[in-house]
Each structure stands twice: as C-alpha cells, then as structure tokens.
Amino acid sequence: MSSAMLVTCLPDPSSSFREDAPRPPVPGEEGETPPCQPGVGKGQVTKPMPVSSNTRRNEDGLGEPEGRASPDSPLTRWTKSLHSLLGDQDGAYLFRTFLEREKCVDTLDFWFACNGFRQMNLKDTKTLRVAKAIYKRYIENNSIVSKQLKPATKTYIRDGIKKQQIDSIMFDQAQTEIQSVMEENAYQMFL
C-alpha cells in the first residue's frame, strides 16, 4: 500500500473524535492496515453507527446497571443476615478470611462444627468422639469461644459429655450465644 493511500485512510489529526472514525486496532491486529473505507475521511460524512448506552447489559436487556449492585446480588443477600452470609460459599469464605485477620476465626469454626454435629447420627459410635473433640477444642480450653460462652452453657455441655448423654442439640445454646456475639461484632465490622 502506498503512503499516499495510507494517508487518505487516517483521520485528520486536527479533527476531534467522531463516531464514524476508523476503529483502533484490535490487540493482535496492530501490524495490519485496515482497508480504506470509501467516504471516510476529511469532509466526508457517513452514517454513524449506533452506540449502546447499556454496555453492561446482554442482548436480552438483562444485566446489572453500572455503579449499582443488582437487588439479588450476593452482596445484597449477605447484608440481610449472618445466616444469609454463611449460607453462601463465597460469603462464608470472605467472612472467614476477615475473621482470620481479626484473630477470631475460632468462633466461625465452632459455629460450623455445631451445625455439623447437629446433623450426625446419634447411633454412630464416633458421635461421642466428635462431641468430645468440639468440647476440648473450643470450650474446655481458654479459647475465644470459651470466653464468650455463659458458665451455665459450658457446664451443661461438660456434664453431658462426662455422663455420655449425647444429643443432637447439646451445642445449640452455645452456638446461639456465639452467633449473637458474631452478629453484634464481627458481622457488623465485616459489612
């Protein structure tokens, strides 16, 4: 292609941007010269191409408007309650990461351990071992969970384990107390 022909394809540098100006090269096509379009150049006017005002919407008109979370976005659901946050895999992961930085991730681990224990089969021989493990890990020692539980709650769990009177709801009160502390403190800071 001759240099005279190339000059006629390029827009006049003194003119302002126009919608009918040639498009910039697509990555990977930088070295290729676009073919000259008849009627494009200085003094020529061509029909402008329609420009979509909703660039973040798909062909069905669905999508999320810029600068705003959609009403059913995960972020919107997470702000409704701690249960909504923990019921979402990404939300639980982000909340856990936050609690790790705050040095209180044991509260969340305990909360999930209680959920898991509630779903165990009481006839299974390992249920007693799991109850003991939860008690030793989170309640018996001087952990953050133990510090946030009422003495009566800790005594109830300890006595149930010593007497081997295991039931699926034995950690429910403790879980409720920890959940209340998380809702009042960590969850609010996280939001």
C-alpha atoms as a PDB file:
ATOM      1  CA  MET A   1       0.000   0.000   0.000  1.00  0.00           C
ATOM      2  CA  SER A   2       1.424   3.372  -0.939  1.00  0.00           C
ATOM      3  CA  SER A   3       1.974   6.096   1.624  1.00  0.00           C
ATOM      4  CA  ALA A   4      -0.467   8.390  -0.229  1.00  0.00           C
ATOM      5  CA  MET A   5      -3.191   5.775   0.078  1.00  0.00           C
ATOM      6  CA  LEU A   6      -2.390   5.270   3.786  1.00  0.00           C
ATOM      7  CA  VAL A   7      -2.687   9.000   4.476  1.00  0.00           C
ATOM      8  CA  THR A   8      -6.191   9.100   2.998  1.00  0.00           C
ATOM      9  CA  CYS A   9      -7.309   6.285   5.341  1.00  0.00           C
ATOM     10  CA  LEU A  10      -6.198   8.008   8.518  1.00  0.00           C
ATOM     11  CA  PRO A  11      -8.367  10.661  10.133  1.00  0.00           C
ATOM     12  CA  ASP A  12      -7.155  14.224  10.168  1.00  0.00           C
ATOM     13  CA  PRO A  13      -5.228  14.664  13.437  1.00  0.00           C
ATOM     14  CA  SER A  14      -6.618  18.183  13.828  1.00  0.00           C
ATOM     15  CA  SER A  15     -10.229  16.964  13.855  1.00  0.00           C
ATOM     16  CA  SER A  16     -11.963  15.844  17.036  1.00  0.00           C
ATOM     17  CA  PHE A  17     -13.115  12.307  17.682  1.00  0.00           C
ATOM     18  CA  ARG A  18     -16.087  11.242  15.585  1.00  0.00           C
ATOM     19  CA  GLU A  19     -18.238   8.138  15.770  1.00  0.00           C
ATOM     20  CA  ASP A  20     -17.544   7.416  12.104  1.00  0.00           C
ATOM     21  CA  ALA A  21     -13.767   7.475  12.591  1.00  0.00           C
ATOM     22  CA  PRO A  22     -11.955   4.202  11.878  1.00  0.00           C
ATOM     23  CA  ARG A  23     -11.761   1.915  14.868  1.00  0.00           C
ATOM     24  CA  PRO A  24      -8.457   1.466  16.647  1.00  0.00           C
ATOM     25  CA  PRO A  25      -6.688  -1.831  16.023  1.00  0.00           C
ATOM     26  CA  VAL A  26      -7.779  -4.877  17.973  1.00  0.00           C
ATOM     27  CA  PRO A  27      -4.992  -6.427  20.063  1.00  0.00           C
ATOM     28  CA  GLY A  28      -3.141  -8.804  17.812  1.00  0.00           C
ATOM     29  CA  GLU A  29      -4.033  -6.817  14.672  1.00  0.00           C
ATOM     30  CA  GLU A  30      -1.768  -3.838  15.390  1.00  0.00           C
ATOM     31  CA  GLY A  31       0.535  -4.533  12.438  1.00  0.00           C
ATOM     32  CA  GLU A  32      -2.288  -4.909   9.900  1.00  0.00           C
ATOM     33  CA  THR A  33      -3.519  -1.905   7.988  1.00  0.00           C
ATOM     34  CA  PRO A  34      -7.305  -1.708   7.807  1.00  0.00           C
ATOM     35  CA  PRO A  35      -8.718  -1.364   4.311  1.00  0.00           C
ATOM     36  CA  CYS A  36      -9.741   2.179   3.395  1.00  0.00           C
ATOM     37  CA  GLN A  37     -13.436   2.782   3.619  1.00  0.00           C
ATOM     38  CA  PRO A  38     -14.905   4.846   0.819  1.00  0.00           C
ATOM     39  CA  GLY A  39     -16.490   8.010   2.084  1.00  0.00           C
ATOM     40  CA  VAL A  40     -14.457   8.121   5.309  1.00  0.00           C
ATOM     41  CA  GLY A  41     -12.020  10.949   5.506  1.00  0.00           C
ATOM     42  CA  LYS A  42     -11.828  14.697   5.734  1.00  0.00           C
ATOM     43  CA  GLY A  43     -15.028  16.407   4.749  1.00  0.00           C
ATOM     44  CA  GLN A  44     -16.975  13.198   4.221  1.00  0.00           C
ATOM     45  CA  VAL A  45     -19.922  12.271   6.436  1.00  0.00           C
ATOM     46  CA  THR A  46     -21.102   8.720   6.873  1.00  0.00           C
ATOM     47  CA  LYS A  47     -23.980   7.255   8.773  1.00  0.00           C
ATOM     48  CA  PRO A  48     -22.987   6.954  12.444  1.00  0.00           C
ATOM     49  CA  MET A  49     -23.084   3.517  13.998  1.00  0.00           C
ATOM     50  CA  PRO A  50     -25.496   3.088  16.913  1.00  0.00           C
ATOM     51  CA  VAL A  51     -23.804   3.114  20.299  1.00  0.00           C
ATOM     52  CA  SER A  52     -25.342   1.145  23.131  1.00  0.00           C
ATOM     53  CA  SER A  53     -25.886   3.114  26.305  1.00  0.00           C
ATOM     54  CA  ASN A  54     -26.149  -0.087  28.307  1.00  0.00           C
ATOM     55  CA  THR A  55     -22.785  -1.692  27.667  1.00  0.00           C
ATOM     56  CA  ARG A  56     -23.102  -3.986  30.699  1.00  0.00           C
ATOM     57  CA  ARG A  57     -26.396  -5.497  29.538  1.00  0.00           C
ATOM     58  CA  ASN A  58     -26.659  -8.555  27.352  1.00  0.00           C
ATOM     59  CA  GLU A  59     -28.809  -8.910  24.245  1.00  0.00           C
ATOM     60  CA  ASP A  60     -31.911  -9.651  26.333  1.00  0.00           C
ATOM     61  CA  GLY A  61     -31.536  -6.390  28.234  1.00  0.00           C
ATOM     62  CA  LEU A  62     -30.531  -8.258  31.369  1.00  0.00           C
ATOM     63  CA  GLY A  63     -27.536  -7.452  33.471  1.00  0.00           C
ATOM     64  CA  GLU A  64     -26.587  -5.077  36.152  1.00  0.00           C
ATOM     65  CA  PRO A  65     -26.581  -1.313  35.737  1.00  0.00           C
ATOM     66  CA  GLU A  66     -23.247   0.347  36.289  1.00  0.00           C
ATOM     67  CA  GLY A  67     -22.480   1.658  39.743  1.00  0.00           C
ATOM     68  CA  ARG A  68     -25.145  -0.374  41.485  1.00  0.00           C
ATOM     69  CA  ALA A  69     -25.495  -3.924  42.762  1.00  0.00           C
ATOM     70  CA  SER A  70     -28.494  -5.767  41.434  1.00  0.00           C
ATOM     71  CA  PRO A  71     -31.229  -6.450  44.003  1.00  0.00           C
ATOM     72  CA  ASP A  72     -30.449 -10.156  44.099  1.00  0.00           C
ATOM     73  CA  SER A  73     -26.660  -9.878  44.102  1.00  0.00           C
ATOM     74  CA  PRO A  74     -24.725 -11.898  46.685  1.00  0.00           C
ATOM     75  CA  LEU A  75     -23.648  -8.693  48.418  1.00  0.00           C
ATOM     76  CA  THR A  76     -27.266  -7.645  48.889  1.00  0.00           C
ATOM     77  CA  ARG A  77     -28.174 -11.067  50.278  1.00  0.00           C
ATOM     78  CA  TRP A  78     -25.178 -11.083  52.649  1.00  0.00           C
ATOM     79  CA  THR A  79     -26.326  -7.835  54.252  1.00  0.00           C
ATOM     80  CA  LYS A  80     -29.705  -9.323  55.182  1.00  0.00           C
ATOM     81  CA  SER A  81     -28.428 -11.642  57.926  1.00  0.00           C
ATOM     82  CA  LEU A  82     -25.490 -13.635  59.172  1.00  0.00           C
ATOM     83  CA  HIS A  83     -27.302 -16.816  58.067  1.00  0.00           C
ATOM     84  CA  SER A  84     -27.538 -15.466  54.504  1.00  0.00           C
ATOM     85  CA  LEU A  85     -23.822 -14.701  54.527  1.00  0.00           C
ATOM     86  CA  LEU A  86     -22.833 -18.095  55.919  1.00  0.00           C
ATOM     87  CA  GLY A  87     -25.247 -19.914  53.619  1.00  0.00           C
ATOM     88  CA  ASP A  88     -23.312 -18.653  50.602  1.00  0.00           C
ATOM     89  CA  GLN A  89     -19.999 -20.390  49.893  1.00  0.00           C
ATOM     90  CA  ASP A  90     -18.250 -17.196  48.745  1.00  0.00           C
ATOM     91  CA  GLY A  91     -19.703 -15.193  51.615  1.00  0.00           C
ATOM     92  CA  ALA A  92     -18.571 -17.744  54.195  1.00  0.00           C
ATOM     93  CA  TYR A  93     -15.093 -17.788  52.643  1.00  0.00           C
ATOM     94  CA  LEU A  94     -14.776 -13.999  52.712  1.00  0.00           C
ATOM     95  CA  PHE A  95     -16.122 -13.799  56.261  1.00  0.00           C
ATOM     96  CA  ARG A  96     -13.665 -16.490  57.354  1.00  0.00           C
ATOM     97  CA  THR A  97     -10.792 -14.564  55.765  1.00  0.00           C
ATOM     98  CA  PHE A  98     -11.930 -11.454  57.622  1.00  0.00           C
ATOM     99  CA  LEU A  99     -12.123 -13.343  60.945  1.00  0.00           C
ATOM    100  CA  GLU A 100      -8.628 -14.751  60.415  1.00  0.00           C
ATOM    101  CA  ARG A 101      -7.300 -11.184  60.188  1.00  0.00           C
ATOM    102  CA  GLU A 102      -9.268 -10.267  63.313  1.00  0.00           C
ATOM    103  CA  LYS A 103      -7.846 -13.302  65.185  1.00  0.00           C
ATOM    104  CA  CYS A 104     -11.287 -14.730  65.979  1.00  0.00           C
ATOM    105  CA  VAL A 105     -11.820 -17.371  63.295  1.00  0.00           C
ATOM    106  CA  ASP A 106     -12.482 -19.988  66.000  1.00  0.00           C
ATOM    107  CA  THR A 107     -15.945 -18.505  66.526  1.00  0.00           C
ATOM    108  CA  LEU A 108     -16.877 -19.324  62.928  1.00  0.00           C
ATOM    109  CA  ASP A 109     -15.246 -22.753  63.068  1.00  0.00           C
ATOM    110  CA  PHE A 110     -17.203 -23.528  66.238  1.00  0.00           C
ATOM    111  CA  TRP A 111     -20.441 -22.352  64.615  1.00  0.00           C
ATOM    112  CA  PHE A 112     -19.899 -24.707  61.664  1.00  0.00           C
ATOM    113  CA  ALA A 113     -18.816 -27.555  63.972  1.00  0.00           C
ATOM    114  CA  CYS A 114     -22.126 -27.216  65.835  1.00  0.00           C
ATOM    115  CA  ASN A 115     -24.036 -27.343  62.530  1.00  0.00           C
ATOM    116  CA  GLY A 116     -22.171 -30.474  61.506  1.00  0.00           C
ATOM    117  CA  PHE A 117     -22.671 -32.132  64.877  1.00  0.00           C
ATOM    118  CA  ARG A 118     -26.423 -31.493  64.755  1.00  0.00           C
ATOM    119  CA  GLN A 119     -26.602 -33.498  61.514  1.00  0.00           C
ATOM    120  CA  MET A 120     -24.713 -36.519  62.856  1.00  0.00           C
ATOM    121  CA  ASN A 121     -26.386 -39.840  63.517  1.00  0.00           C
ATOM    122  CA  LEU A 122     -26.582 -40.326  67.300  1.00  0.00           C
ATOM    123  CA  LYS A 123     -26.284 -44.107  66.882  1.00  0.00           C
ATOM    124  CA  ASP A 124     -22.889 -43.702  65.231  1.00  0.00           C
ATOM    125  CA  THR A 125     -20.034 -44.556  67.602  1.00  0.00           C
ATOM    126  CA  LYS A 126     -17.955 -41.580  66.531  1.00  0.00           C
ATOM    127  CA  THR A 127     -20.601 -39.065  67.666  1.00  0.00           C
ATOM    128  CA  LEU A 128     -19.294 -39.124  71.251  1.00  0.00           C
ATOM    129  CA  ARG A 129     -15.721 -38.643  70.000  1.00  0.00           C
ATOM    130  CA  VAL A 130     -16.803 -35.658  67.876  1.00  0.00           C
ATOM    131  CA  ALA A 131     -18.653 -34.104  70.827  1.00  0.00           C
ATOM    132  CA  LYS A 132     -15.538 -34.525  72.999  1.00  0.00           C
ATOM    133  CA  ALA A 133     -13.340 -33.036  70.277  1.00  0.00           C
ATOM    134  CA  ILE A 134     -15.587 -29.980  69.921  1.00  0.00           C
ATOM    135  CA  TYR A 135     -15.657 -29.571  73.695  1.00  0.00           C
ATOM    136  CA  LYS A 136     -11.862 -29.857  74.065  1.00  0.00           C
ATOM    137  CA  ARG A 137     -11.060 -27.642  71.078  1.00  0.00           C
ATOM    138  CA  TYR A 138     -13.450 -24.776  71.734  1.00  0.00           C
ATOM    139  CA  ILE A 139     -14.896 -24.930  75.257  1.00  0.00           C
ATOM    140  CA  GLU A 140     -12.543 -26.667  77.698  1.00  0.00           C
ATOM    141  CA  ASN A 141      -9.524 -24.508  76.984  1.00  0.00           C
ATOM    142  CA  ASN A 142      -9.404 -20.759  77.399  1.00  0.00           C
ATOM    143  CA  SER A 143     -10.188 -20.029  73.733  1.00  0.00           C
ATOM    144  CA  ILE A 144     -12.133 -17.079  72.380  1.00  0.00           C
ATOM    145  CA  VAL A 145     -15.231 -19.294  72.156  1.00  0.00           C
ATOM    146  CA  SER A 146     -14.937 -20.371  75.784  1.00  0.00           C
ATOM    147  CA  LYS A 147     -14.588 -16.754  76.909  1.00  0.00           C
ATOM    148  CA  GLN A 148     -17.807 -15.780  75.126  1.00  0.00           C
ATOM    149  CA  LEU A 149     -19.994 -18.594  76.488  1.00  0.00           C
ATOM    150  CA  LYS A 150     -22.021 -18.374  79.682  1.00  0.00           C
ATOM    151  CA  PRO A 151     -20.732 -20.575  82.516  1.00  0.00           C
ATOM    152  CA  ALA A 152     -24.040 -22.476  82.669  1.00  0.00           C
ATOM    153  CA  THR A 153     -23.766 -23.341  78.970  1.00  0.00           C
ATOM    154  CA  LYS A 154     -20.238 -24.682  79.386  1.00  0.00           C
ATOM    155  CA  THR A 155     -21.307 -26.715  82.441  1.00  0.00           C
ATOM    156  CA  TYR A 156     -24.283 -28.225  80.595  1.00  0.00           C
ATOM    157  CA  ILE A 157     -22.057 -29.405  77.724  1.00  0.00           C
ATOM    158  CA  ARG A 158     -19.320 -30.695  80.062  1.00  0.00           C
ATOM    159  CA  ASP A 159     -21.831 -32.682  82.143  1.00  0.00           C
ATOM    160  CA  GLY A 160     -23.458 -34.178  79.046  1.00  0.00           C
ATOM    161  CA  ILE A 161     -20.107 -35.393  77.749  1.00  0.00           C
ATOM    162  CA  LYS A 162     -18.983 -36.780  81.130  1.00  0.00           C
ATOM    163  CA  LYS A 163     -22.252 -38.705  81.502  1.00  0.00           C
ATOM    164  CA  GLN A 164     -22.129 -39.671  77.835  1.00  0.00           C
ATOM    165  CA  GLN A 165     -25.605 -38.225  77.362  1.00  0.00           C
ATOM    166  CA  ILE A 166     -25.133 -37.019  73.822  1.00  0.00           C
ATOM    167  CA  ASP A 167     -27.980 -35.494  71.848  1.00  0.00           C
ATOM    168  CA  SER A 168     -28.037 -33.613  68.570  1.00  0.00           C
ATOM    169  CA  ILE A 169     -28.931 -30.299  70.215  1.00  0.00           C
ATOM    170  CA  MET A 170     -26.368 -30.322  73.035  1.00  0.00           C
ATOM    171  CA  PHE A 171     -24.358 -27.498  71.381  1.00  0.00           C
ATOM    172  CA  ASP A 172     -27.359 -25.428  70.264  1.00  0.00           C
ATOM    173  CA  GLN A 173     -27.286 -22.954  73.184  1.00  0.00           C
ATOM    174  CA  ALA A 174     -23.545 -22.459  72.786  1.00  0.00           C
ATOM    175  CA  GLN A 175     -23.939 -21.947  69.058  1.00  0.00           C
ATOM    176  CA  THR A 176     -26.707 -19.379  69.646  1.00  0.00           C
ATOM    177  CA  GLU A 177     -24.523 -17.456  72.101  1.00  0.00           C
ATOM    178  CA  ILE A 178     -21.574 -17.406  69.686  1.00  0.00           C
ATOM    179  CA  GLN A 179     -23.846 -16.431  66.811  1.00  0.00           C
ATOM    180  CA  SER A 180     -25.174 -13.468  68.824  1.00  0.00           C
ATOM    181  CA  VAL A 181     -21.627 -12.295  69.538  1.00  0.00           C
ATOM    182  CA  MET A 182     -20.685 -12.619  65.847  1.00  0.00           C
ATOM    183  CA  GLU A 183     -23.824 -10.739  64.733  1.00  0.00           C
ATOM    184  CA  GLU A 184     -23.169  -7.881  67.137  1.00  0.00           C
ATOM    185  CA  ASN A 185     -19.463  -7.527  66.467  1.00  0.00           C
ATOM    186  CA  ALA A 186     -17.616  -9.295  63.659  1.00  0.00           C
ATOM    187  CA  TYR A 187     -20.525  -9.402  61.197  1.00  0.00           C
ATOM    188  CA  GLN A 188     -21.147  -5.663  61.578  1.00  0.00           C
ATOM    189  CA  MET A 189     -17.446  -4.887  61.113  1.00  0.00           C
ATOM    190  CA  PHE A 190     -17.342  -7.192  58.093  1.00  0.00           C
ATOM    191  CA  LEU A 191     -20.230  -5.370  56.430  1.00  0.00           C
END
